[in-house]
C-alpha atoms as a PDB file:
ATOM      1  CA  MET A   1     -25.572  72.062  47.672  1.00  0.00           C
ATOM      2  CA  SER A   2     -25.768  69.704  50.633  1.00  0.00           C
ATOM      3  CA  ARG A   3     -25.750  71.517  53.979  1.00  0.00           C
ATOM      4  CA  GLU A   4     -22.955  69.651  55.694  1.00  0.00           C
ATOM      5  CA  PRO A   5     -19.677  70.955  57.082  1.00  0.00           C
ATOM      6  CA  VAL A   6     -16.679  69.843  55.073  1.00  0.00           C
ATOM      7  CA  VAL A   7     -14.280  71.859  57.254  1.00  0.00           C
ATOM      8  CA  ARG A   8     -14.620  72.100  61.022  1.00  0.00           C
ATOM      9  CA  LEU A   9     -12.423  73.853  63.575  1.00  0.00           C
ATOM     10  CA  GLU A  10     -13.032  73.211  67.264  1.00  0.00           C
ATOM     11  CA  ASP A  11     -11.336  75.457  69.831  1.00  0.00           C
ATOM     12  CA  VAL A  12      -8.164  75.652  67.726  1.00  0.00           C
ATOM     13  CA  ARG A  13      -5.125  77.244  69.330  1.00  0.00           C
ATOM     14  CA  PHE A  14      -1.675  77.809  67.916  1.00  0.00           C
ATOM     15  CA  ALA A  15       1.514  79.438  69.137  1.00  0.00           C
ATOM     16  CA  TYR A  16       4.940  80.031  67.643  1.00  0.00           C
ATOM     17  CA  ARG A  17       7.067  79.081  70.655  1.00  0.00           C
ATOM     18  CA  ASP A  18       5.711  81.364  73.409  1.00  0.00           C
ATOM     19  CA  ARG A  19       3.779  83.740  71.107  1.00  0.00           C
ATOM     20  CA  SER A  20       0.089  82.917  70.847  1.00  0.00           C
ATOM     21  CA  VAL A  21      -1.299  83.398  67.326  1.00  0.00           C
ATOM     22  CA  LEU A  22      -4.714  81.710  67.496  1.00  0.00           C
ATOM     23  CA  ASP A  23      -6.772  81.407  70.642  1.00  0.00           C
ATOM     24  CA  GLY A  24      -9.837  79.167  70.700  1.00  0.00           C
ATOM     25  CA  VAL A  25     -11.041  79.567  67.106  1.00  0.00           C
ATOM     26  CA  SER A  26     -14.120  77.525  66.150  1.00  0.00           C
ATOM     27  CA  PHE A  27     -16.181  77.579  62.958  1.00  0.00           C
ATOM     28  CA  GLU A  28     -17.561  75.304  60.235  1.00  0.00           C
ATOM     29  CA  VAL A  29     -17.527  75.643  56.450  1.00  0.00           C
ATOM     30  CA  GLU A  30     -20.205  73.858  54.469  1.00  0.00           C
ATOM     31  CA  ARG A  31     -19.586  71.913  51.304  1.00  0.00           C
ATOM     32  CA  GLY A  32     -19.600  74.227  48.297  1.00  0.00           C
ATOM     33  CA  GLU A  33     -19.526  77.368  50.439  1.00  0.00           C
ATOM     34  CA  ARG A  34     -17.463  80.485  49.684  1.00  0.00           C
ATOM     35  CA  PHE A  35     -16.047  81.421  53.077  1.00  0.00           C
ATOM     36  CA  GLY A  36     -13.820  84.404  53.883  1.00  0.00           C
ATOM     37  CA  LEU A  37     -11.195  84.979  56.559  1.00  0.00           C
ATOM     38  CA  LEU A  38     -10.818  88.690  57.273  1.00  0.00           C
ATOM     39  CA  GLY A  39      -8.971  90.808  59.778  1.00  0.00           C
ATOM     40  CA  PRO A  40      -5.975  93.106  60.144  1.00  0.00           C
ATOM     41  CA  THR A  41      -2.409  92.043  59.488  1.00  0.00           C
ATOM     42  CA  GLY A  42      -1.192  89.723  62.240  1.00  0.00           C
ATOM     43  CA  SER A  43      -4.659  88.521  63.252  1.00  0.00           C
ATOM     44  CA  GLY A  44      -3.886  84.885  62.361  1.00  0.00           C
ATOM     45  CA  LYS A  45      -5.476  84.488  58.925  1.00  0.00           C
ATOM     46  CA  SER A  46      -2.450  83.047  57.074  1.00  0.00           C
ATOM     47  CA  THR A  47      -1.657  80.796  60.046  1.00  0.00           C
ATOM     48  CA  LEU A  48      -5.171  79.390  59.775  1.00  0.00           C
ATOM     49  CA  VAL A  49      -4.560  78.570  56.107  1.00  0.00           C
ATOM     50  CA  ARG A  50      -1.342  76.729  57.027  1.00  0.00           C
ATOM     51  CA  LEU A  51      -3.217  74.793  59.695  1.00  0.00           C
ATOM     52  CA  LEU A  52      -6.037  73.887  57.308  1.00  0.00           C
ATOM     53  CA  SER A  53      -3.518  72.695  54.703  1.00  0.00           C
ATOM     54  CA  GLY A  54      -1.752  70.452  57.229  1.00  0.00           C
ATOM     55  CA  VAL A  55       1.546  72.363  57.036  1.00  0.00           C
ATOM     56  CA  LEU A  56       1.156  73.283  60.714  1.00  0.00           C
ATOM     57  CA  ARG A  57      -0.461  71.335  63.542  1.00  0.00           C
ATOM     58  CA  PRO A  58      -2.625  73.070  66.147  1.00  0.00           C
ATOM     59  CA  SER A  59      -1.233  73.426  69.648  1.00  0.00           C
ATOM     60  CA  ALA A  60      -4.678  72.466  70.927  1.00  0.00           C
ATOM     61  CA  GLY A  61      -8.128  71.818  69.500  1.00  0.00           C
ATOM     62  CA  ARG A  62      -9.200  69.838  66.461  1.00  0.00           C
ATOM     63  CA  ILE A  63      -9.399  70.435  62.704  1.00  0.00           C
ATOM     64  CA  SER A  64     -11.319  68.039  60.476  1.00  0.00           C
ATOM     65  CA  VAL A  65     -11.924  67.839  56.737  1.00  0.00           C
ATOM     66  CA  GLY A  66     -14.726  65.670  55.437  1.00  0.00           C
ATOM     67  CA  GLY A  67     -15.467  64.482  58.979  1.00  0.00           C
ATOM     68  CA  ARG A  68     -11.941  63.135  59.435  1.00  0.00           C
ATOM     69  CA  ASP A  69      -9.212  64.550  61.639  1.00  0.00           C
ATOM     70  CA  LEU A  70      -6.703  66.428  59.491  1.00  0.00           C
ATOM     71  CA  GLY A  71      -3.763  64.680  61.142  1.00  0.00           C
ATOM     72  CA  GLY A  72      -5.121  61.294  60.058  1.00  0.00           C
ATOM     73  CA  TYR A  73      -4.673  61.926  56.328  1.00  0.00           C
ATOM     74  CA  PRO A  74      -1.633  60.590  54.467  1.00  0.00           C
ATOM     75  CA  PRO A  75      -0.060  63.554  52.597  1.00  0.00           C
ATOM     76  CA  ALA A  76      -1.083  62.396  49.098  1.00  0.00           C
ATOM     77  CA  GLU A  77      -4.676  61.760  50.144  1.00  0.00           C
ATOM     78  CA  LEU A  78      -4.916  65.152  51.836  1.00  0.00           C
ATOM     79  CA  ALA A  79      -3.505  66.790  48.688  1.00  0.00           C
ATOM     80  CA  ARG A  80      -6.286  65.189  46.639  1.00  0.00           C
ATOM     81  CA  ARG A  81      -8.835  66.892  48.882  1.00  0.00           C
ATOM     82  CA  VAL A  82      -7.205  70.221  49.752  1.00  0.00           C
ATOM     83  CA  ALA A  83      -5.273  72.609  47.481  1.00  0.00           C
ATOM     84  CA  VAL A  84      -3.601  75.883  48.417  1.00  0.00           C
ATOM     85  CA  VAL A  85      -2.976  79.126  46.554  1.00  0.00           C
ATOM     86  CA  PRO A  86      -0.352  80.963  48.651  1.00  0.00           C
ATOM     87  CA  GLN A  87       0.412  84.680  48.625  1.00  0.00           C
ATOM     88  CA  GLU A  88       3.706  84.112  46.810  1.00  0.00           C
ATOM     89  CA  THR A  89       5.253  81.206  44.913  1.00  0.00           C
ATOM     90  CA  ALA A  90       8.984  80.888  44.263  1.00  0.00           C
ATOM     91  CA  LEU A  91      10.393  78.167  42.013  1.00  0.00           C
ATOM     92  CA  ASP A  92      14.155  77.639  41.844  1.00  0.00           C
ATOM     93  CA  PHE A  93      14.251  75.887  38.471  1.00  0.00           C
ATOM     94  CA  PRO A  94      13.197  77.153  35.011  1.00  0.00           C
ATOM     95  CA  PHE A  95       9.887  75.290  34.755  1.00  0.00           C
ATOM     96  CA  SER A  96       7.487  76.060  31.948  1.00  0.00           C
ATOM     97  CA  VAL A  97       3.957  77.167  32.759  1.00  0.00           C
ATOM     98  CA  LEU A  98       2.585  73.801  31.640  1.00  0.00           C
ATOM     99  CA  GLU A  99       5.052  71.999  33.900  1.00  0.00           C
ATOM    100  CA  VAL A 100       4.048  74.151  36.854  1.00  0.00           C
ATOM    101  CA  VAL A 101       0.345  73.498  36.308  1.00  0.00           C
ATOM    102  CA  LEU A 102       0.991  69.767  35.903  1.00  0.00           C
ATOM    103  CA  MET A 103       2.528  69.790  39.394  1.00  0.00           C
ATOM    104  CA  GLY A 104      -1.052  70.002  40.607  1.00  0.00           C
ATOM    105  CA  ARG A 105      -1.635  66.510  39.265  1.00  0.00           C
ATOM    106  CA  ALA A 106       1.070  64.946  41.466  1.00  0.00           C
ATOM    107  CA  PRO A 107      -1.384  63.622  44.117  1.00  0.00           C
ATOM    108  CA  HIS A 108      -3.299  61.763  41.369  1.00  0.00           C
ATOM    109  CA  LEU A 109      -0.358  60.055  39.672  1.00  0.00           C
ATOM    110  CA  GLY A 110       0.283  56.331  39.923  1.00  0.00           C
ATOM    111  CA  GLY A 111       3.371  54.568  41.196  1.00  0.00           C
ATOM    112  CA  PHE A 112       5.553  55.596  38.250  1.00  0.00           C
ATOM    113  CA  GLY A 113       4.629  59.274  38.578  1.00  0.00           C
ATOM    114  CA  PHE A 114       4.165  59.952  34.868  1.00  0.00           C
ATOM    115  CA  GLU A 115       1.366  62.193  33.620  1.00  0.00           C
ATOM    116  CA  GLY A 116      -1.185  60.650  31.306  1.00  0.00           C
ATOM    117  CA  ASP A 117      -3.748  62.106  28.933  1.00  0.00           C
ATOM    118  CA  ARG A 118      -6.188  62.725  31.783  1.00  0.00           C
ATOM    119  CA  ASP A 119      -3.592  64.781  33.671  1.00  0.00           C
ATOM    120  CA  VAL A 120      -2.675  66.879  30.637  1.00  0.00           C
ATOM    121  CA  GLU A 121      -6.375  67.430  29.925  1.00  0.00           C
ATOM    122  CA  ALA A 122      -6.962  68.646  33.502  1.00  0.00           C
ATOM    123  CA  ALA A 123      -3.964  70.989  33.290  1.00  0.00           C
ATOM    124  CA  GLU A 124      -5.011  72.422  29.939  1.00  0.00           C
ATOM    125  CA  SER A 125      -8.574  72.948  31.166  1.00  0.00           C
ATOM    126  CA  ALA A 126      -7.295  74.778  34.260  1.00  0.00           C
ATOM    127  CA  MET A 127      -5.028  76.993  32.147  1.00  0.00           C
ATOM    128  CA  THR A 128      -7.884  77.851  29.812  1.00  0.00           C
ATOM    129  CA  ARG A 129     -10.209  78.779  32.666  1.00  0.00           C
ATOM    130  CA  THR A 130      -7.579  81.022  34.292  1.00  0.00           C
ATOM    131  CA  GLY A 131      -6.576  82.656  31.001  1.00  0.00           C
ATOM    132  CA  VAL A 132      -2.981  81.383  30.841  1.00  0.00           C
ATOM    133  CA  ALA A 133      -3.263  78.774  28.070  1.00  0.00           C
ATOM    134  CA  ASP A 134      -1.276  81.012  25.717  1.00  0.00           C
ATOM    135  CA  LEU A 135       1.568  81.051  28.261  1.00  0.00           C
ATOM    136  CA  ALA A 136       1.974  77.263  28.390  1.00  0.00           C
ATOM    137  CA  GLY A 137       5.437  77.250  26.796  1.00  0.00           C
ATOM    138  CA  ARG A 138       6.778  80.284  28.671  1.00  0.00           C
ATOM    139  CA  PHE A 139       9.105  79.937  31.648  1.00  0.00           C
ATOM    140  CA  PHE A 140       7.389  80.655  34.955  1.00  0.00           C
ATOM    141  CA  HIS A 141      10.181  82.936  36.210  1.00  0.00           C
ATOM    142  CA  GLU A 142       9.780  85.185  33.144  1.00  0.00           C
ATOM    143  CA  LEU A 143       6.154  86.051  33.918  1.00  0.00           C
ATOM    144  CA  SER A 144       4.765  89.132  35.608  1.00  0.00           C
ATOM    145  CA  GLY A 145       3.468  88.873  39.148  1.00  0.00           C
ATOM    146  CA  GLY A 146      -0.137  88.763  37.987  1.00  0.00           C
ATOM    147  CA  GLU A 147       0.585  86.096  35.372  1.00  0.00           C
ATOM    148  CA  LYS A 148       2.400  83.974  37.943  1.00  0.00           C
ATOM    149  CA  GLN A 149      -0.553  84.171  40.309  1.00  0.00           C
ATOM    150  CA  ARG A 150      -2.987  83.024  37.633  1.00  0.00           C
ATOM    151  CA  VAL A 151      -0.669  80.095  36.841  1.00  0.00           C
ATOM    152  CA  VAL A 152      -0.575  79.134  40.525  1.00  0.00           C
ATOM    153  CA  ILE A 153      -4.368  79.252  40.659  1.00  0.00           C
ATOM    154  CA  ALA A 154      -4.436  77.034  37.541  1.00  0.00           C
ATOM    155  CA  ARG A 155      -2.105  74.576  39.302  1.00  0.00           C
ATOM    156  CA  ALA A 156      -4.500  74.398  42.254  1.00  0.00           C
ATOM    157  CA  LEU A 157      -7.509  73.872  39.960  1.00  0.00           C
ATOM    158  CA  ALA A 158      -5.661  71.102  38.093  1.00  0.00           C
ATOM    159  CA  GLN A 159      -5.372  69.373  41.462  1.00  0.00           C
ATOM    160  CA  GLU A 160      -9.195  69.036  41.387  1.00  0.00           C
ATOM    161  CA  PRO A 161      -9.603  69.461  45.145  1.00  0.00           C
ATOM    162  CA  GLU A 162     -12.744  69.447  47.247  1.00  0.00           C
ATOM    163  CA  VAL A 163     -11.438  72.350  49.327  1.00  0.00           C
ATOM    164  CA  LEU A 164      -9.467  75.270  47.899  1.00  0.00           C
ATOM    165  CA  LEU A 165      -7.566  77.517  50.322  1.00  0.00           C
ATOM    166  CA  LEU A 166      -6.590  80.906  48.910  1.00  0.00           C
ATOM    167  CA  ASP A 167      -4.353  83.357  50.788  1.00  0.00           C
ATOM    168  CA  GLU A 168      -4.834  86.806  49.218  1.00  0.00           C
ATOM    169  CA  PRO A 169      -5.141  85.216  45.738  1.00  0.00           C
ATOM    170  CA  THR A 170      -5.624  88.404  43.722  1.00  0.00           C
ATOM    171  CA  THR A 171      -3.082  90.774  45.300  1.00  0.00           C
ATOM    172  CA  SER A 172      -0.960  90.993  42.122  1.00  0.00           C
ATOM    173  CA  LEU A 173      -3.854  91.101  39.666  1.00  0.00           C
ATOM    174  CA  ASP A 174      -5.395  94.062  37.884  1.00  0.00           C
ATOM    175  CA  ILE A 175      -9.111  94.707  38.343  1.00  0.00           C
ATOM    176  CA  ARG A 176     -10.104  92.816  35.182  1.00  0.00           C
ATOM    177  CA  HIS A 177      -8.326  89.636  36.262  1.00  0.00           C
ATOM    178  CA  VAL A 178      -9.561  90.018  39.847  1.00  0.00           C
ATOM    179  CA  VAL A 179     -13.127  89.905  38.540  1.00  0.00           C
ATOM    180  CA  GLU A 180     -12.365  87.003  36.186  1.00  0.00           C
ATOM    181  CA  ILE A 181     -10.754  84.929  38.957  1.00  0.00           C
ATOM    182  CA  PHE A 182     -13.579  85.492  41.434  1.00  0.00           C
ATOM    183  CA  GLU A 183     -16.209  84.802  38.786  1.00  0.00           C
ATOM    184  CA  LEU A 184     -14.364  81.551  38.034  1.00  0.00           C
ATOM    185  CA  LEU A 185     -14.123  80.615  41.717  1.00  0.00           C
ATOM    186  CA  SER A 186     -17.820  81.330  42.199  1.00  0.00           C
ATOM    187  CA  ALA A 187     -18.653  79.139  39.199  1.00  0.00           C
ATOM    188  CA  LEU A 188     -16.539  76.279  40.565  1.00  0.00           C
ATOM    189  CA  SER A 189     -18.356  76.567  43.872  1.00  0.00           C
ATOM    190  CA  ARG A 190     -21.751  76.382  42.175  1.00  0.00           C
ATOM    191  CA  GLU A 191     -20.970  73.805  39.477  1.00  0.00           C
ATOM    192  CA  ARG A 192     -18.601  71.419  41.258  1.00  0.00           C
ATOM    193  CA  GLY A 193     -19.467  72.031  44.897  1.00  0.00           C
ATOM    194  CA  MET A 194     -15.885  73.132  45.536  1.00  0.00           C
ATOM    195  CA  THR A 195     -15.451  74.658  48.982  1.00  0.00           C
ATOM    196  CA  LEU A 196     -13.494  77.921  49.092  1.00  0.00           C
ATOM    197  CA  VAL A 197     -11.741  79.385  52.128  1.00  0.00           C
ATOM    198  CA  VAL A 198     -10.340  82.769  51.104  1.00  0.00           C
ATOM    199  CA  VAL A 199      -8.109  85.175  53.031  1.00  0.00           C
ATOM    200  CA  LEU A 200      -8.850  88.728  51.906  1.00  0.00           C
ATOM    201  CA  HIS A 201      -8.046  92.289  52.897  1.00  0.00           C
ATOM    202  CA  ASP A 202     -10.513  93.743  50.395  1.00  0.00           C
ATOM    203  CA  LEU A 203     -13.790  93.975  52.316  1.00  0.00           C
ATOM    204  CA  ASN A 204     -15.805  95.029  49.288  1.00  0.00           C
ATOM    205  CA  LEU A 205     -14.600  92.058  47.265  1.00  0.00           C
ATOM    206  CA  ALA A 206     -15.469  89.777  50.169  1.00  0.00           C
ATOM    207  CA  ALA A 207     -18.988  91.203  50.410  1.00  0.00           C
ATOM    208  CA  LEU A 208     -19.511  90.822  46.669  1.00  0.00           C
ATOM    209  CA  TYR A 209     -18.356  87.220  46.206  1.00  0.00           C
ATOM    210  CA  LEU A 210     -18.282  85.384  49.542  1.00  0.00           C
ATOM    211  CA  GLN A 211     -21.246  83.887  51.346  1.00  0.00           C
ATOM    212  CA  ARG A 212     -19.974  83.968  54.931  1.00  0.00           C
ATOM    213  CA  LEU A 213     -17.195  85.905  56.619  1.00  0.00           C
ATOM    214  CA  ALA A 214     -15.117  85.275  59.733  1.00  0.00           C
ATOM    215  CA  PHE A 215     -13.472  88.337  61.271  1.00  0.00           C
ATOM    216  CA  LEU A 216     -10.354  87.669  63.343  1.00  0.00           C
ATOM    217  CA  LYS A 217      -8.781  90.031  65.852  1.00  0.00           C
ATOM    218  CA  HIS A 218      -5.677  89.217  67.886  1.00  0.00           C
ATOM    219  CA  GLY A 219      -6.087  85.521  67.069  1.00  0.00           C
ATOM    220  CA  ARG A 220      -9.682  85.304  68.266  1.00  0.00           C
ATOM    221  CA  LEU A 221     -12.877  84.944  66.259  1.00  0.00           C
ATOM    222  CA  TYR A 222     -14.663  88.282  66.613  1.00  0.00           C
ATOM    223  CA  ALA A 223     -17.675  87.631  64.353  1.00  0.00           C
ATOM    224  CA  CYS A 224     -18.822  85.027  61.831  1.00  0.00           C
ATOM    225  CA  GLY A 225     -21.804  85.052  59.511  1.00  0.00           C
ATOM    226  CA  PRO A 226     -23.212  86.353  56.208  1.00  0.00           C
ATOM    227  CA  PRO A 227     -21.836  89.739  55.078  1.00  0.00           C
ATOM    228  CA  GLU A 228     -25.209  91.410  55.698  1.00  0.00           C
ATOM    229  CA  GLU A 229     -25.026  90.392  59.365  1.00  0.00           C
ATOM    230  CA  VAL A 230     -21.371  90.824  60.294  1.00  0.00           C
ATOM    231  CA  MET A 231     -20.077  93.560  57.999  1.00  0.00           C
ATOM    232  CA  THR A 232     -21.322  96.348  60.244  1.00  0.00           C
ATOM    233  CA  TYR A 233     -19.832  99.691  61.189  1.00  0.00           C
ATOM    234  CA  ARG A 234     -19.220  98.512  64.740  1.00  0.00           C
ATOM    235  CA  THR A 235     -17.545  95.232  63.744  1.00  0.00           C
ATOM    236  CA  ILE A 236     -15.226  96.813  61.198  1.00  0.00           C
ATOM    237  CA  ARG A 237     -14.355  99.728  63.468  1.00  0.00           C
ATOM    238  CA  ASP A 238     -13.577  97.401  66.366  1.00  0.00           C
ATOM    239  CA  VAL A 239     -11.639  94.823  64.326  1.00  0.00           C
ATOM    240  CA  TYR A 240      -9.596  97.248  62.233  1.00  0.00           C
ATOM    241  CA  GLU A 241      -9.549 100.104  64.764  1.00  0.00           C
ATOM    242  CA  THR A 242     -10.400 102.687  62.134  1.00  0.00           C
ATOM    243  CA  ASP A 243     -13.452 104.725  61.231  1.00  0.00           C
ATOM    244  CA  VAL A 244     -15.467 103.592  58.200  1.00  0.00           C
ATOM    245  CA  TYR A 245     -18.719 104.187  56.373  1.00  0.00           C
ATOM    246  CA  VAL A 246     -20.773 101.087  55.506  1.00  0.00           C
ATOM    247  CA  HIS A 247     -23.534 101.406  52.931  1.00  0.00           C
ATOM    248  CA  ARG A 248     -25.440  99.254  50.460  1.00  0.00           C
ATOM    249  CA  ASN A 249     -24.466  99.592  46.808  1.00  0.00           C
ATOM    250  CA  ASP A 250     -27.534 100.452  44.738  1.00  0.00           C
ATOM    251  CA  LEU A 251     -26.180  98.613  41.687  1.00  0.00           C
ATOM    252  CA  THR A 252     -25.059  95.313  43.279  1.00  0.00           C
ATOM    253  CA  GLY A 253     -27.244  95.274  46.370  1.00  0.00           C
ATOM    254  CA  ARG A 254     -24.152  94.315  48.383  1.00  0.00           C
ATOM    255  CA  LEU A 255     -22.467  96.185  51.208  1.00  0.00           C
ATOM    256  CA  ASN A 256     -19.601  98.571  50.518  1.00  0.00           C
ATOM    257  CA  VAL A 257     -17.057  99.864  53.020  1.00  0.00           C
ATOM    258  CA  LEU A 258     -15.329 103.230  52.692  1.00  0.00           C
ATOM    259  CA  PRO A 259     -12.557 104.418  55.029  1.00  0.00           C
ATOM    260  CA  LEU A 260     -13.151 107.761  56.733  1.00  0.00           C
ATOM    261  CA  GLY A 261      -9.621 109.089  57.081  1.00  0.00           C
ATOM    262  CA  SER A 262      -8.362 112.589  57.710  1.00  0.00           C
ATOM    263  CA  VAL A 263      -8.835 113.561  54.044  1.00  0.00           C
ATOM    264  CA  THR A 264     -12.513 112.570  54.169  1.00  0.00           C
ATOM    265  CA  ALA A 265     -12.968 114.280  57.522  1.00  0.00           C
ATOM    266  CA  GLY A 266     -11.327 117.437  56.173  1.00  0.00           C
ATOM    267  CA  SER A 267     -13.659 117.539  53.184  1.00  0.00           C
ATOM    268  CA  ARG A 268     -16.645 117.675  55.519  1.00  0.00           C
ATOM    269  CA  THR A 269     -15.435 120.711  57.447  1.00  0.00           C
END
């Protein structure tokens, strides 16, 4: 994996009208890296994803992808480099699963906009890897929440991006499919050099699968670095304003975080 930043944020600020959401955020993500955005609700994580995808423009500062200012990309070219898995996906028409996944090929289509064999092959490969190939003929709106999310991830993989932005990608999935999706994402990072920027609330999942973490608090970058360096008792207590216990899992060798609520406190008395 070449050690070069594919995503760079420099003093990025953003506000919705007069409400500041991000205040001077700067970090870099290297090519092929698995990078996490963590923090409490309202800290600016999802806004950062919208900025990185080009849906929003920063109020100040600069965002670049592949060494090029994000605002300088034509939409189709940006879509060939950056794909997004949002928290929720709503489709108004009765599309089949295959049709939804083929939507990921839109940035690669020629002037006539018709899918060819290469596009169908990419879609089928993505469906196989996300475990939804047997759903190809089903209507998207008939699926469970977890099935829909796996289809949306397949659509993003069919896009064949360099950078994949995922906003809470496994919220609707059971533990088996959570593991399968993160094992797949890790494999794509290793095998294809795909860069992952993942918004997560699950700190233990982040420590297990992501290589660097950025903690946000009130729109500011509180800490950024490998889990072993930044996932400390002090950081988590300060960012989330709650008491926790941080320890190393003997089986995985990774850090685990346990909340110390009133029930835990009561059991010690």
